[in-house]
C-alpha cells in the first residue's frame, strides 16, 4: 500500500491503520518509509496529470494505491473503504490549511487575474474573476507577492498555523497615469 503526495504525506498514512508501517506488498517489492513516497523518487514522470493539475490549476493531485492487486475483486472494495475512510477524510481536511483571501483595488473592487506567488516557489497562481485566491501551505512563515499590470506590486509576510487557514486580503493601488 503506497501513496504519492505533494505535501503532508503523514496526514494520510498516520491516519491509516497500517500504511504508516511501510510494509511490503510482497517479498522483493519496494517498501516506503511511513508508507509514502514522492512518485518522482520512485519513477520519474514529467508532464503527467499531477504536474498539470498542480502547475496550471493550482490543485493537489494524489495517487493512492490501496491494494497490492491492481484489480481487486469487487467484494473487497467495502474493506478498502473502511481501511481508508479516516485517512482520506483527514487528508481532504488539509484544504483548510494555508492562505486565502481577496485581492481588491483601493476602492474595494475585486481584481481578477492578479498574478500571485509565494516567494521562493517556482509556481505562481492567479486570483479568480471575483478576486479570490487560496494556496495550500504547510505551517510556517511565508511572503506572498501580487502583481497586476498598471498597479503597484505588493508583498506581504504572513504565518500559516496548524489550526486554521490564514486570511489575508490584499489591496493593489493603481500606478499614477
N, C-alpha and C. Protein backbone atom coordinates (compact mmCIF):
# COMPACT_ATOMS: atom_id res chain seq x y z
N UNK A 1 0.85 -1.16 0.00
CA UNK A 1 0.00 0.00 0.00
C UNK A 1 0.89 1.23 0.00
N UNK A 2 0.75 2.09 -0.98
CA UNK A 2 1.65 3.22 -1.19
C UNK A 2 0.84 4.45 -1.55
N UNK A 3 1.42 5.60 -1.28
CA UNK A 3 0.74 6.83 -1.62
C UNK A 3 1.76 7.84 -2.14
N UNK A 4 1.36 8.63 -3.12
CA UNK A 4 2.22 9.67 -3.68
C UNK A 4 1.59 11.01 -3.37
N UNK A 5 2.33 11.91 -2.77
CA UNK A 5 1.79 13.20 -2.36
C UNK A 5 2.74 14.34 -2.65
N UNK A 6 2.18 15.52 -2.79
CA UNK A 6 2.99 16.72 -2.91
C UNK A 6 3.31 17.25 -1.51
N UNK A 7 2.32 17.30 -0.62
CA UNK A 7 2.54 17.77 0.74
C UNK A 7 1.82 16.87 1.73
N UNK A 8 2.22 16.94 2.96
CA UNK A 8 1.57 16.28 4.10
C UNK A 8 1.32 14.79 3.95
N UNK A 9 2.29 14.00 3.50
CA UNK A 9 2.01 12.58 3.35
C UNK A 9 1.67 11.89 4.67
N UNK A 10 2.21 12.38 5.76
CA UNK A 10 1.94 11.73 7.04
C UNK A 10 0.49 11.91 7.48
N UNK A 11 -0.17 12.95 7.02
CA UNK A 11 -1.58 13.17 7.37
C UNK A 11 -2.38 11.94 6.97
N UNK A 12 -2.14 11.42 5.79
CA UNK A 12 -2.87 10.25 5.32
C UNK A 12 -2.34 8.98 5.99
N UNK A 13 -1.06 8.75 5.85
CA UNK A 13 -0.53 7.45 6.27
C UNK A 13 -0.66 7.21 7.77
N UNK A 14 -0.53 8.25 8.60
CA UNK A 14 -0.63 8.05 10.04
C UNK A 14 -2.07 8.02 10.53
N UNK A 15 -3.03 8.27 9.65
CA UNK A 15 -4.44 8.09 9.99
C UNK A 15 -4.99 6.81 9.39
N UNK A 16 -4.11 5.98 8.91
CA UNK A 16 -4.44 4.66 8.37
C UNK A 16 -3.86 3.62 9.31
N UNK A 17 -4.58 2.53 9.53
CA UNK A 17 -4.12 1.50 10.48
C UNK A 17 -2.74 0.96 10.19
N UNK A 18 -2.44 0.70 8.91
CA UNK A 18 -1.19 0.02 8.58
C UNK A 18 -0.27 0.78 7.64
N UNK A 19 -0.79 1.70 6.86
CA UNK A 19 0.03 2.33 5.82
C UNK A 19 1.33 2.89 6.38
N UNK A 20 1.27 3.56 7.51
CA UNK A 20 2.46 4.22 8.08
C UNK A 20 3.56 3.22 8.46
N UNK A 21 3.22 1.93 8.52
CA UNK A 21 4.22 0.91 8.85
C UNK A 21 5.18 0.64 7.69
N UNK A 22 4.79 1.00 6.48
CA UNK A 22 5.66 0.85 5.31
C UNK A 22 5.90 -0.60 4.93
N UNK A 23 4.92 -1.46 5.17
CA UNK A 23 5.08 -2.88 4.87
C UNK A 23 5.09 -3.14 3.36
N UNK A 24 5.87 -4.12 2.94
CA UNK A 24 5.91 -4.51 1.54
C UNK A 24 4.64 -5.26 1.17
N UNK A 25 4.22 -5.14 -0.07
CA UNK A 25 3.09 -5.92 -0.56
C UNK A 25 3.46 -7.40 -0.68
N UNK A 26 4.66 -7.62 -1.18
CA UNK A 26 5.16 -8.99 -1.32
C UNK A 26 6.68 -8.93 -1.28
N UNK A 27 7.30 -10.05 -1.05
CA UNK A 27 8.75 -10.12 -0.98
C UNK A 27 9.37 -9.59 -2.27
N UNK A 28 10.35 -8.73 -2.12
CA UNK A 28 11.03 -8.15 -3.26
C UNK A 28 10.42 -6.84 -3.74
N UNK A 29 9.20 -6.55 -3.29
CA UNK A 29 8.56 -5.28 -3.67
C UNK A 29 9.17 -4.16 -2.82
N UNK A 30 9.16 -2.93 -3.31
CA UNK A 30 9.72 -1.84 -2.51
C UNK A 30 8.87 -1.58 -1.26
N UNK A 31 9.54 -1.09 -0.23
CA UNK A 31 8.82 -0.60 0.94
C UNK A 31 9.15 0.88 1.05
N UNK A 32 8.26 1.63 1.65
CA UNK A 32 8.43 3.08 1.71
C UNK A 32 8.31 3.53 3.16
N UNK A 33 9.25 4.38 3.57
CA UNK A 33 9.23 4.92 4.93
C UNK A 33 7.90 5.62 5.16
N UNK A 34 7.27 5.32 6.26
CA UNK A 34 5.95 5.85 6.62
C UNK A 34 4.86 5.48 5.62
N UNK A 35 5.16 4.54 4.71
CA UNK A 35 4.17 4.07 3.75
C UNK A 35 3.93 5.02 2.60
N UNK A 36 4.79 6.02 2.42
CA UNK A 36 4.58 7.00 1.36
C UNK A 36 5.87 7.20 0.56
N UNK A 37 5.71 7.74 -0.62
CA UNK A 37 6.85 8.11 -1.43
C UNK A 37 6.49 9.28 -2.31
N UNK A 38 7.47 10.03 -2.69
CA UNK A 38 7.30 11.03 -3.73
C UNK A 38 7.38 10.23 -5.02
N UNK A 39 6.32 10.25 -5.80
CA UNK A 39 6.28 9.44 -7.02
C UNK A 39 7.48 9.64 -7.92
N UNK A 40 7.99 10.87 -7.99
CA UNK A 40 9.15 11.15 -8.84
C UNK A 40 10.40 10.44 -8.32
N UNK A 41 10.45 10.18 -7.01
CA UNK A 41 11.59 9.46 -6.46
C UNK A 41 11.50 7.97 -6.80
N UNK A 42 10.30 7.49 -7.01
CA UNK A 42 10.10 6.07 -7.31
C UNK A 42 10.29 5.83 -8.80
N UNK A 43 9.57 6.57 -9.61
CA UNK A 43 9.80 6.54 -11.05
C UNK A 43 9.44 7.90 -11.62
N UNK A 44 10.40 8.57 -12.29
CA UNK A 44 10.13 9.92 -12.80
C UNK A 44 9.14 9.91 -13.95
N UNK A 45 8.25 10.89 -13.93
CA UNK A 45 7.28 11.07 -14.99
C UNK A 45 7.05 12.57 -15.11
N UNK A 46 7.37 13.11 -16.26
CA UNK A 46 7.20 14.54 -16.48
C UNK A 46 5.98 14.77 -17.36
N UNK A 47 5.19 15.77 -16.98
CA UNK A 47 4.06 16.13 -17.81
C UNK A 47 2.82 15.30 -17.58
N UNK A 48 2.76 14.62 -16.45
CA UNK A 48 1.57 13.82 -16.13
C UNK A 48 0.45 14.70 -15.59
N UNK A 49 -0.66 14.07 -15.28
CA UNK A 49 -1.84 14.77 -14.78
C UNK A 49 -1.55 15.51 -13.47
N UNK A 50 -0.74 14.92 -12.60
CA UNK A 50 -0.43 15.59 -11.34
C UNK A 50 0.33 16.89 -11.58
N UNK A 51 1.29 16.89 -12.50
CA UNK A 51 2.01 18.12 -12.85
C UNK A 51 1.04 19.17 -13.39
N UNK A 52 0.20 18.76 -14.32
CA UNK A 52 -0.74 19.69 -14.94
C UNK A 52 -1.67 20.29 -13.89
N UNK A 53 -2.26 19.45 -13.06
CA UNK A 53 -3.21 19.96 -12.07
C UNK A 53 -2.55 20.92 -11.09
N UNK A 54 -1.34 20.62 -10.65
CA UNK A 54 -0.68 21.49 -9.69
C UNK A 54 -0.20 22.80 -10.32
N UNK A 55 0.48 22.69 -11.45
CA UNK A 55 1.07 23.87 -12.07
C UNK A 55 0.01 24.77 -12.69
N UNK A 56 -0.93 24.20 -13.44
CA UNK A 56 -1.86 25.03 -14.21
C UNK A 56 -3.19 25.26 -13.52
N UNK A 57 -3.60 24.38 -12.64
CA UNK A 57 -4.89 24.55 -11.99
C UNK A 57 -4.77 24.85 -10.49
N UNK A 58 -3.55 24.74 -9.93
CA UNK A 58 -3.35 25.01 -8.51
C UNK A 58 -3.98 23.96 -7.61
N UNK A 59 -4.19 22.78 -8.14
CA UNK A 59 -4.84 21.70 -7.39
C UNK A 59 -3.82 20.65 -6.97
N UNK A 60 -4.03 20.11 -5.79
CA UNK A 60 -3.21 18.97 -5.39
C UNK A 60 -3.82 17.73 -6.02
N UNK A 61 -2.98 16.80 -6.39
CA UNK A 61 -3.42 15.58 -7.04
C UNK A 61 -2.64 14.45 -6.41
N UNK A 62 -3.31 13.40 -6.01
CA UNK A 62 -2.62 12.29 -5.37
C UNK A 62 -2.99 10.98 -6.06
N UNK A 63 -2.14 10.02 -5.90
CA UNK A 63 -2.43 8.65 -6.30
C UNK A 63 -2.35 7.81 -5.03
N UNK A 64 -3.41 7.10 -4.74
CA UNK A 64 -3.43 6.22 -3.58
C UNK A 64 -3.55 4.79 -4.09
N UNK A 65 -2.57 4.00 -3.77
CA UNK A 65 -2.62 2.59 -4.14
C UNK A 65 -3.04 1.84 -2.89
N UNK A 66 -4.26 1.32 -2.90
CA UNK A 66 -4.83 0.75 -1.68
C UNK A 66 -4.80 -0.78 -1.66
N UNK A 67 -4.24 -1.37 -2.67
CA UNK A 67 -4.19 -2.83 -2.73
C UNK A 67 -2.92 -3.26 -3.45
N UNK A 68 -2.43 -4.41 -3.09
CA UNK A 68 -1.29 -4.98 -3.81
C UNK A 68 -1.74 -5.55 -5.15
N UNK A 69 -3.04 -5.75 -5.27
CA UNK A 69 -3.62 -6.28 -6.50
C UNK A 69 -4.16 -5.11 -7.32
N UNK A 70 -3.74 -5.02 -8.58
CA UNK A 70 -4.18 -3.89 -9.42
C UNK A 70 -5.69 -3.88 -9.60
N UNK A 71 -6.32 -5.03 -9.73
CA UNK A 71 -7.76 -5.13 -9.93
C UNK A 71 -8.35 -6.06 -8.87
N UNK A 72 -8.53 -5.58 -7.64
CA UNK A 72 -9.08 -6.45 -6.60
C UNK A 72 -10.54 -6.80 -6.90
N UNK A 73 -11.00 -7.93 -6.42
CA UNK A 73 -12.41 -8.31 -6.61
C UNK A 73 -13.34 -7.28 -5.97
N UNK A 74 -14.48 -7.05 -6.58
CA UNK A 74 -15.40 -6.02 -6.11
C UNK A 74 -15.86 -6.25 -4.67
N UNK A 75 -15.92 -7.49 -4.23
CA UNK A 75 -16.36 -7.75 -2.86
C UNK A 75 -15.35 -7.26 -1.82
N UNK A 76 -14.12 -6.95 -2.24
CA UNK A 76 -13.12 -6.41 -1.32
C UNK A 76 -13.21 -4.88 -1.18
N UNK A 77 -13.93 -4.22 -2.05
CA UNK A 77 -13.98 -2.75 -2.04
C UNK A 77 -14.52 -2.18 -0.73
N UNK A 78 -15.58 -2.74 -0.11
CA UNK A 78 -16.02 -2.18 1.18
C UNK A 78 -14.93 -2.22 2.25
N UNK A 79 -14.11 -3.26 2.23
CA UNK A 79 -13.00 -3.35 3.20
C UNK A 79 -11.99 -2.23 2.95
N UNK A 80 -11.69 -1.96 1.68
CA UNK A 80 -10.74 -0.89 1.37
C UNK A 80 -11.30 0.47 1.81
N UNK A 81 -12.61 0.67 1.63
CA UNK A 81 -13.21 1.92 2.06
C UNK A 81 -13.06 2.08 3.58
N UNK A 82 -13.38 1.04 4.33
CA UNK A 82 -13.27 1.12 5.79
C UNK A 82 -11.83 1.38 6.22
N UNK A 83 -10.87 0.76 5.56
CA UNK A 83 -9.46 0.95 5.93
C UNK A 83 -8.96 2.36 5.60
N UNK A 84 -9.54 3.01 4.60
CA UNK A 84 -9.02 4.30 4.12
C UNK A 84 -9.91 5.50 4.45
N UNK A 85 -11.10 5.27 4.97
CA UNK A 85 -12.06 6.35 5.20
C UNK A 85 -11.50 7.46 6.10
N UNK A 86 -11.00 7.11 7.27
CA UNK A 86 -10.49 8.12 8.20
C UNK A 86 -9.32 8.89 7.58
N UNK A 87 -8.39 8.16 6.98
CA UNK A 87 -7.21 8.80 6.39
C UNK A 87 -7.61 9.74 5.25
N UNK A 88 -8.53 9.31 4.41
CA UNK A 88 -8.97 10.13 3.29
C UNK A 88 -9.66 11.40 3.77
N UNK A 89 -10.54 11.27 4.76
CA UNK A 89 -11.23 12.46 5.28
C UNK A 89 -10.26 13.43 5.94
N UNK A 90 -9.29 12.92 6.67
CA UNK A 90 -8.28 13.80 7.29
C UNK A 90 -7.44 14.50 6.22
N UNK A 91 -7.09 13.77 5.18
CA UNK A 91 -6.32 14.36 4.10
C UNK A 91 -7.13 15.45 3.39
N UNK A 92 -8.40 15.19 3.14
CA UNK A 92 -9.25 16.18 2.49
C UNK A 92 -9.35 17.45 3.34
N UNK A 93 -9.27 17.30 4.65
CA UNK A 93 -9.32 18.45 5.55
C UNK A 93 -8.13 19.38 5.38
N UNK A 94 -7.08 18.93 4.72
CA UNK A 94 -5.91 19.77 4.50
C UNK A 94 -6.20 20.98 3.61
N UNK A 95 -7.32 20.95 2.89
CA UNK A 95 -7.66 22.11 2.06
C UNK A 95 -7.88 23.35 2.92
N UNK A 96 -8.08 23.15 4.20
CA UNK A 96 -8.31 24.28 5.11
C UNK A 96 -7.02 24.79 5.73
N UNK A 97 -5.90 24.36 5.21
CA UNK A 97 -4.61 24.82 5.70
C UNK A 97 -3.96 25.69 4.63
N UNK A 98 -3.39 26.80 5.02
CA UNK A 98 -2.71 27.65 4.06
C UNK A 98 -3.19 29.07 4.16
N UNK A 99 -3.33 29.71 3.00
CA UNK A 99 -3.72 31.12 2.93
C UNK A 99 -4.89 31.27 1.98
N UNK A 100 -5.76 32.22 2.29
CA UNK A 100 -6.85 32.56 1.40
C UNK A 100 -7.21 34.02 1.61
N UNK A 101 -7.86 34.60 0.62
CA UNK A 101 -8.27 35.99 0.74
C UNK A 101 -8.78 36.53 -0.58
N UNK A 102 -8.87 37.86 -0.63
CA UNK A 102 -9.33 38.56 -1.81
C UNK A 102 -8.30 39.61 -2.20
N UNK A 103 -8.19 39.86 -3.50
CA UNK A 103 -7.38 40.98 -3.99
C UNK A 103 -8.37 42.01 -4.51
N UNK A 104 -8.22 43.24 -3.99
CA UNK A 104 -9.11 44.34 -4.40
C UNK A 104 -8.27 45.56 -4.73
N UNK A 105 -8.88 46.49 -5.46
CA UNK A 105 -8.19 47.75 -5.70
C UNK A 105 -8.45 48.69 -4.52
N UNK A 106 -7.89 49.87 -4.59
CA UNK A 106 -8.01 50.82 -3.47
C UNK A 106 -9.43 51.32 -3.24
N UNK A 107 -10.34 51.03 -4.17
CA UNK A 107 -11.75 51.40 -3.99
C UNK A 107 -12.59 50.20 -3.55
N UNK A 108 -11.92 49.09 -3.27
CA UNK A 108 -12.62 47.90 -2.78
C UNK A 108 -13.20 47.00 -3.85
N UNK A 109 -12.89 47.26 -5.11
CA UNK A 109 -13.40 46.43 -6.20
C UNK A 109 -12.51 45.21 -6.38
N UNK A 110 -13.11 44.03 -6.59
CA UNK A 110 -12.31 42.81 -6.78
C UNK A 110 -11.46 42.89 -8.04
N UNK A 111 -10.27 42.34 -7.95
CA UNK A 111 -9.35 42.30 -9.10
C UNK A 111 -9.09 40.85 -9.48
N UNK A 112 -9.54 40.47 -10.66
CA UNK A 112 -9.29 39.13 -11.18
C UNK A 112 -8.02 39.10 -11.99
N UNK A 113 -7.44 37.92 -12.12
CA UNK A 113 -6.25 37.76 -12.94
C UNK A 113 -4.99 38.34 -12.35
N UNK A 114 -5.01 38.60 -11.04
CA UNK A 114 -3.80 39.10 -10.38
C UNK A 114 -2.82 37.93 -10.26
N UNK A 115 -1.58 38.16 -10.66
CA UNK A 115 -0.55 37.13 -10.54
C UNK A 115 -0.04 37.13 -9.10
N UNK A 116 -0.10 35.96 -8.48
CA UNK A 116 0.33 35.80 -7.09
C UNK A 116 1.42 34.74 -7.05
N UNK A 117 2.32 34.90 -6.10
CA UNK A 117 3.43 33.95 -5.98
C UNK A 117 3.88 33.92 -4.53
N UNK A 118 4.15 32.73 -4.05
CA UNK A 118 4.77 32.57 -2.74
C UNK A 118 6.27 32.67 -2.97
N UNK A 119 6.93 33.60 -2.30
CA UNK A 119 8.38 33.80 -2.50
C UNK A 119 9.12 32.49 -2.27
N UNK A 120 10.07 32.23 -3.17
CA UNK A 120 10.87 31.02 -3.07
C UNK A 120 10.27 29.82 -3.76
N UNK A 121 9.09 29.98 -4.34
CA UNK A 121 8.43 28.89 -5.07
C UNK A 121 8.44 29.22 -6.55
N UNK A 122 8.57 28.20 -7.38
CA UNK A 122 8.62 28.40 -8.82
C UNK A 122 7.24 28.63 -9.43
N UNK A 123 6.22 28.06 -8.83
CA UNK A 123 4.89 28.06 -9.43
C UNK A 123 4.04 29.19 -8.84
N UNK A 124 3.51 30.03 -9.71
CA UNK A 124 2.60 31.09 -9.29
C UNK A 124 1.16 30.65 -9.50
N UNK A 125 0.23 31.55 -9.19
CA UNK A 125 -1.19 31.29 -9.37
C UNK A 125 -1.87 32.63 -9.56
N UNK A 126 -3.17 32.63 -9.84
CA UNK A 126 -3.89 33.88 -10.10
C UNK A 126 -5.17 33.96 -9.28
N UNK A 127 -5.60 35.19 -9.04
CA UNK A 127 -6.88 35.39 -8.39
C UNK A 127 -8.00 35.10 -9.40
N UNK A 128 -9.17 34.70 -8.88
CA UNK A 128 -10.32 34.43 -9.75
C UNK A 128 -10.91 35.75 -10.24
N UNK A 129 -11.92 35.66 -11.07
CA UNK A 129 -12.57 36.89 -11.57
C UNK A 129 -13.22 37.68 -10.45
N UNK A 130 -13.44 37.04 -9.31
CA UNK A 130 -14.02 37.71 -8.14
C UNK A 130 -12.94 38.20 -7.18
N UNK A 131 -11.68 38.05 -7.57
CA UNK A 131 -10.57 38.50 -6.74
C UNK A 131 -10.14 37.49 -5.67
N UNK A 132 -10.75 36.31 -5.63
CA UNK A 132 -10.41 35.31 -4.62
C UNK A 132 -9.08 34.64 -4.94
N UNK A 133 -8.39 34.22 -3.90
CA UNK A 133 -7.20 33.39 -4.07
C UNK A 133 -7.07 32.47 -2.87
N UNK A 134 -6.32 31.39 -3.06
CA UNK A 134 -6.03 30.45 -1.99
C UNK A 134 -4.83 29.63 -2.38
N UNK A 135 -4.14 29.14 -1.40
CA UNK A 135 -2.98 28.26 -1.63
C UNK A 135 -2.82 27.37 -0.42
N UNK A 136 -2.73 26.07 -0.64
CA UNK A 136 -2.49 25.13 0.44
C UNK A 136 -1.02 25.20 0.79
N UNK A 137 -0.71 25.45 2.07
CA UNK A 137 0.66 25.56 2.54
C UNK A 137 0.78 24.90 3.91
N UNK A 138 1.93 24.33 4.16
CA UNK A 138 2.21 23.77 5.47
C UNK A 138 2.49 24.90 6.45
N UNK A 139 2.37 24.65 7.75
CA UNK A 139 2.67 25.69 8.73
C UNK A 139 4.07 26.26 8.53
N UNK A 140 4.19 27.59 8.69
CA UNK A 140 5.47 28.25 8.54
C UNK A 140 5.28 29.72 8.20
N UNK A 141 6.40 30.38 7.96
CA UNK A 141 6.41 31.80 7.60
C UNK A 141 6.64 31.94 6.10
N UNK A 142 5.86 32.82 5.48
CA UNK A 142 5.91 32.98 4.03
C UNK A 142 5.79 34.46 3.66
N UNK A 143 6.09 34.74 2.39
CA UNK A 143 5.85 36.04 1.79
C UNK A 143 5.08 35.80 0.50
N UNK A 144 3.99 36.56 0.31
CA UNK A 144 3.23 36.47 -0.93
C UNK A 144 3.47 37.74 -1.73
N UNK A 145 3.61 37.57 -3.04
CA UNK A 145 3.82 38.69 -3.95
C UNK A 145 2.61 38.78 -4.86
N UNK A 146 2.14 40.00 -5.13
CA UNK A 146 0.99 40.21 -6.02
C UNK A 146 1.35 41.24 -7.08
N UNK A 147 1.02 40.91 -8.35
CA UNK A 147 1.34 41.76 -9.49
C UNK A 147 0.14 41.86 -10.41
N UNK A 148 -0.12 43.05 -10.91
CA UNK A 148 -1.13 43.25 -11.95
C UNK A 148 -0.72 44.47 -12.76
N UNK A 149 -0.81 44.35 -14.08
CA UNK A 149 -0.43 45.46 -14.95
C UNK A 149 -1.18 46.73 -14.54
N UNK A 150 -0.47 47.85 -14.54
CA UNK A 150 -0.99 49.17 -14.18
C UNK A 150 -1.26 49.36 -12.69
N UNK A 151 -0.74 48.43 -11.87
CA UNK A 151 -0.85 48.54 -10.41
C UNK A 151 0.53 48.37 -9.79
N UNK A 152 0.73 48.97 -8.63
CA UNK A 152 1.97 48.77 -7.89
C UNK A 152 2.00 47.33 -7.36
N UNK A 153 3.12 46.63 -7.53
CA UNK A 153 3.22 45.28 -6.94
C UNK A 153 3.33 45.40 -5.42
N UNK A 154 2.88 44.38 -4.71
CA UNK A 154 2.97 44.38 -3.25
C UNK A 154 3.50 43.03 -2.77
N UNK A 155 4.05 43.06 -1.58
CA UNK A 155 4.49 41.84 -0.88
C UNK A 155 3.93 41.91 0.53
N UNK A 156 3.50 40.76 1.04
CA UNK A 156 3.01 40.67 2.41
C UNK A 156 3.61 39.43 3.06
N UNK A 157 4.14 39.59 4.26
CA UNK A 157 4.58 38.46 5.06
C UNK A 157 3.38 37.92 5.82
N UNK A 158 3.34 36.61 6.01
CA UNK A 158 2.25 36.00 6.78
C UNK A 158 2.73 34.69 7.38
N UNK A 159 1.96 34.20 8.32
CA UNK A 159 2.26 32.94 9.01
C UNK A 159 1.09 31.99 8.82
N UNK A 160 1.39 30.76 8.48
CA UNK A 160 0.39 29.70 8.41
C UNK A 160 0.54 28.88 9.68
N UNK A 161 -0.57 28.68 10.38
CA UNK A 161 -0.52 27.86 11.59
C UNK A 161 -1.19 26.51 11.34
N UNK A 162 -1.17 25.68 12.34
CA UNK A 162 -1.67 24.31 12.24
C UNK A 162 -3.20 24.25 12.25
N UNK A 163 -3.85 25.20 12.92
CA UNK A 163 -5.26 25.05 13.22
C UNK A 163 -6.22 25.59 12.16
N UNK A 164 -5.95 26.78 11.62
CA UNK A 164 -6.91 27.43 10.73
C UNK A 164 -6.19 28.06 9.54
N UNK A 165 -6.93 28.28 8.45
CA UNK A 165 -6.30 28.98 7.32
C UNK A 165 -6.00 30.42 7.69
N UNK A 166 -4.98 30.96 7.09
CA UNK A 166 -4.63 32.36 7.26
C UNK A 166 -5.42 33.18 6.26
N UNK A 167 -6.15 34.17 6.75
CA UNK A 167 -6.92 35.05 5.88
C UNK A 167 -6.11 36.33 5.68
N UNK A 168 -5.84 36.64 4.43
CA UNK A 168 -5.07 37.83 4.09
C UNK A 168 -5.70 38.48 2.86
N UNK A 169 -6.25 39.65 3.04
CA UNK A 169 -6.80 40.40 1.91
C UNK A 169 -5.73 41.37 1.43
N UNK A 170 -5.62 41.50 0.12
CA UNK A 170 -4.56 42.30 -0.50
C UNK A 170 -5.20 43.46 -1.26
N UNK A 171 -4.64 44.63 -1.06
CA UNK A 171 -5.09 45.82 -1.80
C UNK A 171 -3.99 46.26 -2.74
N UNK A 172 -4.35 46.45 -4.02
CA UNK A 172 -3.42 46.98 -5.01
C UNK A 172 -3.82 48.40 -5.37
N UNK A 173 -2.81 49.25 -5.51
CA UNK A 173 -3.02 50.66 -5.83
C UNK A 173 -2.57 50.92 -7.27
N UNK A 174 -3.40 51.64 -8.03
CA UNK A 174 -3.04 51.89 -9.43
C UNK A 174 -1.81 52.77 -9.55
N UNK A 175 -1.07 52.54 -10.62
CA UNK A 175 0.05 53.43 -10.94
C UNK A 175 -0.51 54.78 -11.35
N UNK A 176 0.16 55.81 -11.05
CA UNK A 176 -0.28 57.15 -11.48
C UNK A 176 -0.09 57.24 -12.99
N UNK A 177 -1.11 57.63 -13.69
CA UNK A 177 -1.04 57.73 -15.15
C UNK A 177 -0.57 59.09 -15.58
